[in-house]
Amino acid sequence: MSMKSLPSEKLKEYEQVLQNEKKETLDIINQIYDYQKKSSKESSGDHSSFSLHQADQGTETDNREKEAYLLEREQEKLKALNLALKRVFDKTYGICEICGTYIPEPRLKILPYAKYCIECKSSEEKKKRRR
């Protein structure tokens, strides 16, 4: 049985795209960590001369929730990028994991770590919504 696979040049091209995207994602994750370290040092400083207003505390909490959300989103993206790179090395990249057809290039350009073709992805989304 012959396995479907993108041509080697294409796989190399996408590997580079994925590596670049991975570097950007790691940079964002590191920026969030640096910001969290900096802001936690600032908030643990001695502010005994004034008390934090409730609204300021609410804003602070809101900002921490946003940071946590962004961090989680970037970590999920990093995981998806690593799995996509594994597929490049396995030569299964660019092939839908559900139906086995090629994932259209425009989709891979927009979402280089896509695992499914558009049809399979939308049917997966419909199944999730039904649950």
Protein backbone atom coordinates (compact mmCIF):
# COMPACT_ATOMS: atom_id res chain seq x y z
CA MET A 1 0.00 0.00 0.00
CA SER A 2 1.56 3.31 -1.01
CA MET A 3 1.30 6.10 1.52
CA LYS A 4 0.28 9.52 0.34
CA SER A 5 2.88 12.15 1.01
CA LEU A 6 3.69 15.70 -0.02
CA PRO A 7 6.83 16.12 -2.16
CA SER A 8 10.05 16.52 -0.14
CA GLU A 9 10.52 20.15 -1.27
CA LYS A 10 7.03 21.01 0.02
CA LEU A 11 7.69 19.24 3.33
CA LYS A 12 10.94 21.23 3.73
CA GLU A 13 9.07 24.45 2.93
CA TYR A 14 6.38 23.73 5.52
CA GLU A 15 8.95 22.62 8.08
CA GLN A 16 10.53 26.08 7.80
CA VAL A 17 7.12 27.78 8.15
CA LEU A 18 6.36 25.66 11.23
CA GLN A 19 9.81 26.32 12.78
CA ASN A 20 9.35 30.09 12.29
CA GLU A 21 5.86 29.97 13.77
CA LYS A 22 7.20 27.90 16.69
CA LYS A 23 9.93 30.49 17.38
CA GLU A 24 7.35 33.32 17.36
CA THR A 25 5.07 31.36 19.68
CA LEU A 26 7.93 30.64 22.11
CA ASP A 27 8.83 34.35 22.06
CA ILE A 28 5.24 35.26 22.98
CA ILE A 29 5.18 32.65 25.79
CA ASN A 30 8.48 34.01 27.16
CA GLN A 31 7.17 37.59 26.99
CA ILE A 32 4.09 36.58 28.98
CA TYR A 33 6.26 34.81 31.59
CA ASP A 34 8.59 37.84 31.83
CA TYR A 35 5.62 40.17 32.22
CA GLN A 36 4.10 37.94 34.91
CA LYS A 37 7.40 37.84 36.82
CA LYS A 38 7.76 41.61 36.57
CA SER A 39 4.16 42.34 37.60
CA SER A 40 4.24 39.87 40.49
CA LYS A 41 7.41 41.54 41.83
CA GLU A 42 5.73 44.93 41.55
CA SER A 43 2.53 43.78 43.22
CA SER A 44 4.44 42.13 46.07
CA GLY A 45 6.35 45.35 46.77
CA ASP A 46 5.65 47.39 49.90
CA HIS A 47 2.56 49.50 49.28
CA SER A 48 1.71 50.05 52.94
CA SER A 49 1.46 53.81 52.41
CA PHE A 50 -1.70 53.36 50.32
CA SER A 51 -4.34 50.72 49.97
CA LEU A 52 -5.34 49.26 46.61
CA HIS A 53 -8.74 50.44 45.50
CA GLN A 54 -11.27 47.66 44.79
CA ALA A 55 -11.46 48.72 41.12
CA ASP A 56 -7.66 48.44 40.83
CA GLN A 57 -7.81 44.95 42.32
CA GLY A 58 -10.53 44.02 39.83
CA THR A 59 -8.44 45.32 36.93
CA GLU A 60 -5.42 43.40 38.22
CA THR A 61 -7.47 40.19 38.45
CA ASP A 62 -8.88 40.78 34.97
CA ASN A 63 -5.37 41.28 33.56
CA ARG A 64 -4.12 38.07 35.20
CA GLU A 65 -7.05 36.12 33.71
CA LYS A 66 -6.25 37.52 30.25
CA GLU A 67 -2.58 36.59 30.66
CA ALA A 68 -3.54 33.07 31.73
CA TYR A 69 -5.86 32.73 28.74
CA LEU A 70 -3.20 34.02 26.31
CA LEU A 71 -0.58 31.75 27.83
CA GLU A 72 -2.84 28.71 27.57
CA ARG A 73 -3.73 29.56 23.96
CA GLU A 74 -0.06 29.96 22.98
CA GLN A 75 0.88 26.71 24.77
CA GLU A 76 -1.87 24.87 22.86
CA LYS A 77 -0.56 26.38 19.63
CA LEU A 78 2.97 25.27 20.53
CA LYS A 79 1.72 21.73 21.11
CA ALA A 80 -0.07 21.79 17.72
CA LEU A 81 3.08 23.09 16.01
CA ASN A 82 5.22 20.34 17.56
CA LEU A 83 2.72 17.70 16.42
CA ALA A 84 2.73 19.23 12.91
CA LEU A 85 6.54 19.10 12.85
CA LYS A 86 6.34 15.43 13.86
CA ARG A 87 3.99 14.88 10.90
CA VAL A 88 6.53 16.59 8.61
CA PHE A 89 9.21 14.13 9.76
CA ASP A 90 6.78 11.20 9.46
CA LYS A 91 5.87 12.47 5.97
CA THR A 92 2.18 12.56 6.91
CA TYR A 93 2.01 16.37 7.03
CA GLY A 94 -0.61 18.00 4.82
CA ILE A 95 -2.84 14.92 4.80
CA CYS A 96 -6.18 14.94 6.61
CA GLU A 97 -6.08 12.63 9.64
CA ILE A 98 -9.73 11.70 9.12
CA CYS A 99 -10.29 11.12 5.39
CA GLY A 100 -6.69 10.86 4.14
CA THR A 101 -7.01 13.49 1.39
CA TYR A 102 -4.54 16.33 0.91
CA ILE A 103 -5.27 19.43 2.97
CA PRO A 104 -5.59 22.33 0.49
CA GLU A 105 -2.53 24.58 0.38
CA PRO A 106 -4.51 27.78 1.13
CA ARG A 107 -5.65 26.16 4.40
CA LEU A 108 -2.08 25.18 5.32
CA LYS A 109 -0.89 28.71 4.55
CA ILE A 110 -3.42 30.15 7.01
CA LEU A 111 -3.20 27.35 9.59
CA PRO A 112 0.12 25.52 9.06
CA TYR A 113 -0.61 23.08 11.89
CA ALA A 114 -4.00 22.00 10.48
CA LYS A 115 -4.68 18.27 10.92
CA TYR A 116 -7.92 18.10 8.94
CA CYS A 117 -9.23 19.22 5.58
CA ILE A 118 -11.98 21.84 5.73
CA GLU A 119 -14.83 19.33 5.21
CA CYS A 120 -13.67 17.01 8.02
CA LYS A 121 -12.95 19.95 10.34
CA SER A 122 -16.43 21.39 9.87
CA SER A 123 -18.09 18.01 10.43
CA GLU A 124 -15.98 17.63 13.63
CA GLU A 125 -17.19 21.07 14.76
CA LYS A 126 -20.82 20.06 14.08
CA LYS A 127 -20.37 16.89 16.17
CA LYS A 128 -18.92 18.95 19.05
CA ARG A 129 -21.86 21.38 18.92
CA ARG A 130 -24.35 18.49 19.09
CA ARG A 131 -22.81 17.14 22.29
